[in-house]
C-alpha atoms as a PDB file:
ATOM      1  CA  MET A   1       7.471  -0.757  22.865  1.00  0.00           C
ATOM      2  CA  LEU A   2       9.238  -3.679  22.267  1.00  0.00           C
ATOM      3  CA  GLY A   3      12.939  -3.530  22.822  1.00  0.00           C
ATOM      4  CA  GLU A   4      14.231  -0.717  23.854  1.00  0.00           C
ATOM      5  CA  ASN A   5      17.520   0.704  21.714  1.00  0.00           C
ATOM      6  CA  PRO A   6      18.978   4.100  22.964  1.00  0.00           C
ATOM      7  CA  VAL A   7      20.367   4.430  19.734  1.00  0.00           C
ATOM      8  CA  ILE A   8      16.298   5.142  17.713  1.00  0.00           C
ATOM      9  CA  ASP A   9      14.631   5.704  21.397  1.00  0.00           C
ATOM     10  CA  ASP A  10      16.986   9.326  21.978  1.00  0.00           C
ATOM     11  CA  LEU A  11      16.601  10.398  18.665  1.00  0.00           C
ATOM     12  CA  PRO A  12      14.810  14.024  18.044  1.00  0.00           C
ATOM     13  CA  LYS A  13      11.578  13.487  15.523  1.00  0.00           C
ATOM     14  CA  GLU A  14      13.249  15.250  12.435  1.00  0.00           C
ATOM     15  CA  GLU A  15      15.742  12.035  12.698  1.00  0.00           C
ATOM     16  CA  LEU A  16      13.082   9.803  13.519  1.00  0.00           C
ATOM     17  CA  LEU A  17      11.736  10.533  10.471  1.00  0.00           C
ATOM     18  CA  ARG A  18      14.338   9.854   8.108  1.00  0.00           C
ATOM     19  CA  LEU A  19      14.821   6.570   9.621  1.00  0.00           C
ATOM     20  CA  LEU A  20      10.840   6.042   8.776  1.00  0.00           C
ATOM     21  CA  ASP A  21      11.729   6.480   5.466  1.00  0.00           C
ATOM     22  CA  ALA A  22      15.046   4.673   5.631  1.00  0.00           C
ATOM     23  CA  TYR A  23      13.025   1.517   6.647  1.00  0.00           C
ATOM     24  CA  ALA A  24      10.228   1.936   4.174  1.00  0.00           C
ATOM     25  CA  LYS A  25      12.504   2.837   1.457  1.00  0.00           C
ATOM     26  CA  ALA A  26      14.225  -0.780   2.710  1.00  0.00           C
ATOM     27  CA  TRP A  27      10.748  -2.525   3.104  1.00  0.00           C
ATOM     28  CA  GLN A  28      10.184  -1.435  -0.887  1.00  0.00           C
ATOM     29  CA  ALA A  29      13.713  -2.735  -1.624  1.00  0.00           C
ATOM     30  CA  MET A  30      12.916  -6.288  -0.308  1.00  0.00           C
ATOM     31  CA  ASP A  31      10.327  -6.776  -1.708  1.00  0.00           C
ATOM     32  CA  GLY A  32      11.010  -5.738  -5.629  1.00  0.00           C
ATOM     33  CA  ALA A  33      14.460  -7.660  -4.996  1.00  0.00           C
ATOM     34  CA  TYR A  34      12.613 -11.154  -3.757  1.00  0.00           C
ATOM     35  CA  PHE A  35      10.383 -10.561  -6.809  1.00  0.00           C
ATOM     36  CA  LEU A  36      13.259 -10.264  -9.296  1.00  0.00           C
ATOM     37  CA  ALA A  37      15.007 -13.140  -7.657  1.00  0.00           C
ATOM     38  CA  ILE A  38      11.546 -15.523  -8.568  1.00  0.00           C
ATOM     39  CA  GLU A  39      10.943 -13.606 -12.011  1.00  0.00           C
ATOM     40  CA  LYS A  40      15.029 -14.337 -13.102  1.00  0.00           C
ATOM     41  CA  LYS A  41      14.552 -17.998 -11.624  1.00  0.00           C
ATOM     42  CA  TYR A  42      10.407 -18.533 -12.646  1.00  0.00           C
ATOM     43  CA  GLY A  43       9.510 -16.448 -15.079  1.00  0.00           C
ATOM     44  CA  MET A  44       7.103 -12.824 -14.788  1.00  0.00           C
ATOM     45  CA  ASP A  45       4.026 -15.359 -14.415  1.00  0.00           C
ATOM     46  CA  ALA A  46       4.859 -16.807 -11.547  1.00  0.00           C
ATOM     47  CA  ALA A  47       6.608 -13.869 -10.056  1.00  0.00           C
ATOM     48  CA  ILE A  48       2.983 -12.206 -10.267  1.00  0.00           C
ATOM     49  CA  GLU A  49       1.769 -15.265  -8.476  1.00  0.00           C
ATOM     50  CA  MET A  50       3.773 -15.266  -5.833  1.00  0.00           C
ATOM     51  CA  ASP A  51       3.631 -11.321  -4.957  1.00  0.00           C
ATOM     52  CA  LYS A  52      -0.339 -12.238  -5.342  1.00  0.00           C
ATOM     53  CA  GLU A  53      -0.228 -14.493  -2.354  1.00  0.00           C
ATOM     54  CA  ALA A  54       2.346 -12.454  -0.649  1.00  0.00           C
ATOM     55  CA  TRP A  55       0.236  -9.498  -0.519  1.00  0.00           C
ATOM     56  CA  ARG A  56      -2.920 -11.622   0.743  1.00  0.00           C
ATOM     57  CA  LEU A  57      -1.131 -12.456   3.348  1.00  0.00           C
ATOM     58  CA  PHE A  58       0.770  -9.683   4.078  1.00  0.00           C
ATOM     59  CA  SER A  59      -2.221  -7.041   3.626  1.00  0.00           C
ATOM     60  CA  PRO A  60      -4.135  -8.446   6.617  1.00  0.00           C
ATOM     61  CA  ILE A  61      -1.531  -8.528   8.603  1.00  0.00           C
ATOM     62  CA  GLU A  62      -0.550  -4.887   8.014  1.00  0.00           C
ATOM     63  CA  ALA A  63      -4.248  -3.709   8.562  1.00  0.00           C
ATOM     64  CA  ARG A  64      -4.439  -5.502  11.725  1.00  0.00           C
ATOM     65  CA  ARG A  65      -0.747  -4.239  13.409  1.00  0.00           C
ATOM     66  CA  ILE A  66      -1.745  -0.596  12.490  1.00  0.00           C
ATOM     67  CA  MET A  67      -5.145  -0.841  13.505  1.00  0.00           C
ATOM     68  CA  LYS A  68      -3.627  -2.342  16.912  1.00  0.00           C
ATOM     69  CA  GLU A  69      -0.790   0.372  17.627  1.00  0.00           C
ATOM     70  CA  PHE A  70      -2.748   3.076  16.458  1.00  0.00           C
ATOM     71  CA  GLY A  71      -6.193   2.476  18.414  1.00  0.00           C
ATOM     72  CA  ILE A  72      -7.943   2.106  14.824  1.00  0.00           C
ATOM     73  CA  PRO A  73     -11.340   0.386  15.921  1.00  0.00           C
ATOM     74  CA  GLU A  74     -13.044  -2.980  14.005  1.00  0.00           C
ATOM     75  CA  ASN A  75     -15.717  -2.109  11.673  1.00  0.00           C
ATOM     76  CA  GLY A  76     -14.861   1.640  11.969  1.00  0.00           C
ATOM     77  CA  GLY A  77     -16.003   2.104   8.219  1.00  0.00           C
ATOM     78  CA  LEU A  78     -14.581   4.953   6.152  1.00  0.00           C
ATOM     79  CA  ASP A  79     -12.879   6.625   8.333  1.00  0.00           C
ATOM     80  CA  ALA A  80     -10.755   3.625   9.874  1.00  0.00           C
ATOM     81  CA  LEU A  81      -9.326   2.625   6.435  1.00  0.00           C
ATOM     82  CA  GLU A  82      -8.643   6.138   5.313  1.00  0.00           C
ATOM     83  CA  ARG A  83      -7.046   6.559   8.303  1.00  0.00           C
ATOM     84  CA  ALA A  84      -4.801   3.192   8.048  1.00  0.00           C
ATOM     85  CA  LEU A  85      -4.061   3.822   4.418  1.00  0.00           C
ATOM     86  CA  GLY A  86      -1.917   7.061   5.392  1.00  0.00           C
ATOM     87  CA  LEU A  87      -0.278   4.609   8.211  1.00  0.00           C
ATOM     88  CA  ARG A  88       0.675   1.807   5.561  1.00  0.00           C
ATOM     89  CA  VAL A  89       4.509   1.170   5.573  1.00  0.00           C
ATOM     90  CA  TYR A  90       4.795   2.953   1.948  1.00  0.00           C
ATOM     91  CA  ALA A  91       2.919   5.867   2.675  1.00  0.00           C
ATOM     92  CA  ARG A  92       5.402   8.164   3.055  1.00  0.00           C
ATOM     93  CA  LEU A  93       6.923   6.941  -0.013  1.00  0.00           C
ATOM     94  CA  ASN A  94       4.286   7.716  -2.172  1.00  0.00           C
ATOM     95  CA  GLU A  95       1.880  10.563  -2.734  1.00  0.00           C
ATOM     96  CA  GLN A  96      -1.493   9.571  -1.915  1.00  0.00           C
ATOM     97  CA  SER A  97      -5.002  12.146  -1.889  1.00  0.00           C
ATOM     98  CA  TYR A  98      -8.268  10.792  -0.735  1.00  0.00           C
ATOM     99  CA  GLU A  99     -11.841  12.063  -1.648  1.00  0.00           C
ATOM    100  CA  ARG A 100     -14.989  11.052  -0.582  1.00  0.00           C
ATOM    101  CA  THR A 101     -17.933  11.863  -2.739  1.00  0.00           C
ATOM    102  CA  ASP A 102     -20.693  11.164  -0.296  1.00  0.00           C
ATOM    103  CA  GLU A 103     -20.981   9.395   3.245  1.00  0.00           C
ATOM    104  CA  LYS A 104     -20.514   5.697   1.817  1.00  0.00           C
ATOM    105  CA  THR A 105     -17.521   6.437  -0.739  1.00  0.00           C
ATOM    106  CA  LEU A 106     -14.050   6.877  -0.404  1.00  0.00           C
ATOM    107  CA  LEU A 107     -11.533   7.416  -3.079  1.00  0.00           C
ATOM    108  CA  PHE A 108      -7.942   6.705  -3.636  1.00  0.00           C
ATOM    109  CA  THR A 109      -5.686   7.719  -5.355  1.00  0.00           C
ATOM    110  CA  MET A 110      -2.021   6.540  -6.097  1.00  0.00           C
ATOM    111  CA  ASN A 111      -0.733   9.990  -7.329  1.00  0.00           C
ATOM    112  CA  GLN A 112       3.047   9.274  -7.690  1.00  0.00           C
ATOM    113  CA  CYS A 113       4.078   5.628  -7.317  1.00  0.00           C
ATOM    114  CA  ARG A 114       8.046   5.302  -6.481  1.00  0.00           C
ATOM    115  CA  VAL A 115       8.039   1.922  -7.874  1.00  0.00           C
ATOM    116  CA  GLN A 116       6.506   2.961 -11.528  1.00  0.00           C
ATOM    117  CA  VAL A 117       8.360   6.409 -11.126  1.00  0.00           C
ATOM    118  CA  ALA A 118      11.586   4.471 -11.073  1.00  0.00           C
ATOM    119  CA  ARG A 119      10.733   2.249 -14.070  1.00  0.00           C
ATOM    120  CA  GLY A 120       9.738   5.808 -15.942  1.00  0.00           C
ATOM    121  CA  ARG A 121      13.348   6.859 -15.019  1.00  0.00           C
ATOM    122  CA  LYS A 122      14.652   3.990 -16.184  1.00  0.00           C
ATOM    123  CA  GLY A 123      12.786   3.968 -19.479  1.00  0.00           C
ATOM    124  CA  LEU A 124      10.367   0.880 -18.597  1.00  0.00           C
ATOM    125  CA  PRO A 125       7.166   0.962 -19.281  1.00  0.00           C
ATOM    126  CA  ASP A 126       4.587   0.361 -15.935  1.00  0.00           C
ATOM    127  CA  PHE A 127       4.358  -2.570 -13.999  1.00  0.00           C
ATOM    128  CA  PRO A 128       1.415  -4.264 -14.466  1.00  0.00           C
ATOM    129  CA  CYS A 129       0.317  -4.315 -10.415  1.00  0.00           C
ATOM    130  CA  LYS A 130      -3.261  -4.387 -10.918  1.00  0.00           C
ATOM    131  CA  GLU A 131      -3.906  -8.066 -10.199  1.00  0.00           C
ATOM    132  CA  VAL A 132      -1.675  -7.701  -7.150  1.00  0.00           C
ATOM    133  CA  GLY A 133      -3.276  -4.267  -6.033  1.00  0.00           C
ATOM    134  CA  VAL A 134      -6.882  -5.594  -6.156  1.00  0.00           C
ATOM    135  CA  ILE A 135      -5.825  -8.069  -3.527  1.00  0.00           C
ATOM    136  CA  GLU A 136      -3.918  -6.158  -1.719  1.00  0.00           C
ATOM    137  CA  TYR A 137      -6.748  -3.182  -1.252  1.00  0.00           C
ATOM    138  CA  THR A 138      -9.210  -5.632  -1.407  1.00  0.00           C
ATOM    139  CA  THR A 139      -7.975  -7.829   1.957  1.00  0.00           C
ATOM    140  CA  PHE A 140      -6.498  -4.189   3.036  1.00  0.00           C
ATOM    141  CA  ALA A 141      -9.936  -2.630   3.714  1.00  0.00           C
ATOM    142  CA  GLU A 142     -11.877  -5.715   4.666  1.00  0.00           C
ATOM    143  CA  THR A 143      -9.979  -6.592   7.293  1.00  0.00           C
ATOM    144  CA  ILE A 144     -10.547  -2.744   8.684  1.00  0.00           C
ATOM    145  CA  ASP A 145     -14.220  -3.451   8.328  1.00  0.00           C
ATOM    146  CA  PRO A 146     -15.887  -6.451   5.852  1.00  0.00           C
ATOM    147  CA  ARG A 147     -18.630  -3.769   4.590  1.00  0.00           C
ATOM    148  CA  ILE A 148     -16.232  -2.193   2.654  1.00  0.00           C
ATOM    149  CA  LYS A 149     -16.116  -3.272  -0.675  1.00  0.00           C
ATOM    150  CA  THR A 150     -13.134  -2.039  -3.047  1.00  0.00           C
ATOM    151  CA  LYS A 151     -13.217  -1.584  -6.679  1.00  0.00           C
ATOM    152  CA  CYS A 152     -10.324  -0.476  -9.190  1.00  0.00           C
ATOM    153  CA  LEU A 153     -11.069   2.322 -11.324  1.00  0.00           C
ATOM    154  CA  PHE A 154      -7.922   2.353 -12.963  1.00  0.00           C
ATOM    155  CA  CYS A 155      -4.370   0.876 -12.324  1.00  0.00           C
ATOM    156  CA  PRO A 156      -1.119  -0.259 -14.780  1.00  0.00           C
ATOM    157  CA  PRO A 157      -1.755  -1.970 -17.360  1.00  0.00           C
ATOM    158  CA  ASP A 158      -4.725   0.197 -17.754  1.00  0.00           C
ATOM    159  CA  ALA A 159      -4.516   3.737 -19.019  1.00  0.00           C
ATOM    160  CA  HIS A 160      -4.352   6.254 -16.429  1.00  0.00           C
ATOM    161  CA  PRO A 161      -3.671  10.458 -16.329  1.00  0.00           C
ATOM    162  CA  ALA A 162      -0.114  11.770 -16.067  1.00  0.00           C
ATOM    163  CA  ASP A 163      -1.171  12.838 -12.126  1.00  0.00           C
ATOM    164  CA  ALA A 164      -2.276   9.449 -11.083  1.00  0.00           C
ATOM    165  CA  TYR A 165      -1.315   5.930 -11.490  1.00  0.00           C
ATOM    166  CA  CYS A 166      -4.207   3.697  -9.560  1.00  0.00           C
ATOM    167  CA  LYS A 167      -7.542   4.778  -8.314  1.00  0.00           C
ATOM    168  CA  TRP A 168      -9.721   2.756  -5.789  1.00  0.00           C
ATOM    169  CA  GLU A 169     -13.151   3.384  -4.936  1.00  0.00           C
ATOM    170  CA  PHE A 170     -14.414   2.143  -1.460  1.00  0.00           C
ATOM    171  CA  THR A 171     -17.709   1.460  -0.502  1.00  0.00           C
ATOM    172  CA  LEU A 172     -19.451   1.112   2.503  1.00  0.00           C
ATOM    173  CA  GLU A 173     -21.841  -1.439   2.182  1.00  0.00           C
ATOM    174  CA  GLU A 174     -24.626  -1.806   5.393  1.00  0.00           C
END
């Protein structure tokens, strides 16, 4: 464990979960703030390019930390990936679902995305996150197990059903 903090260490489970939510929201706010700062100064195209590079760097770091902290084995296949996806920093902020179509295929759906829902409340169109998502999910999955291949089934700016914003197919290749 890292440094001791009696304020946090003594919190009951319910308050720890609220703190986890607060940290996840703060992380997402920082992600959005840096994006908006780049967009304001350099434009949307530059902001998306920087976002892609940030996720290319961050996703493997997040995957490795999750694996280490939660004992997820290297080359653990789709079981390891499914568990790791559920432990991501934003997993408590979004409604996610998983489906196994066979032993070599995992479907991951982002049913409710906090970012996209907020944009909708403001009357804004979906954020076109597909290019970023391809990098994010591909590098995350490959870090968990290099045999896993990632395919985007839909993600904004693609059309999507009302009950899902994006859907990803992960295939375990031997």
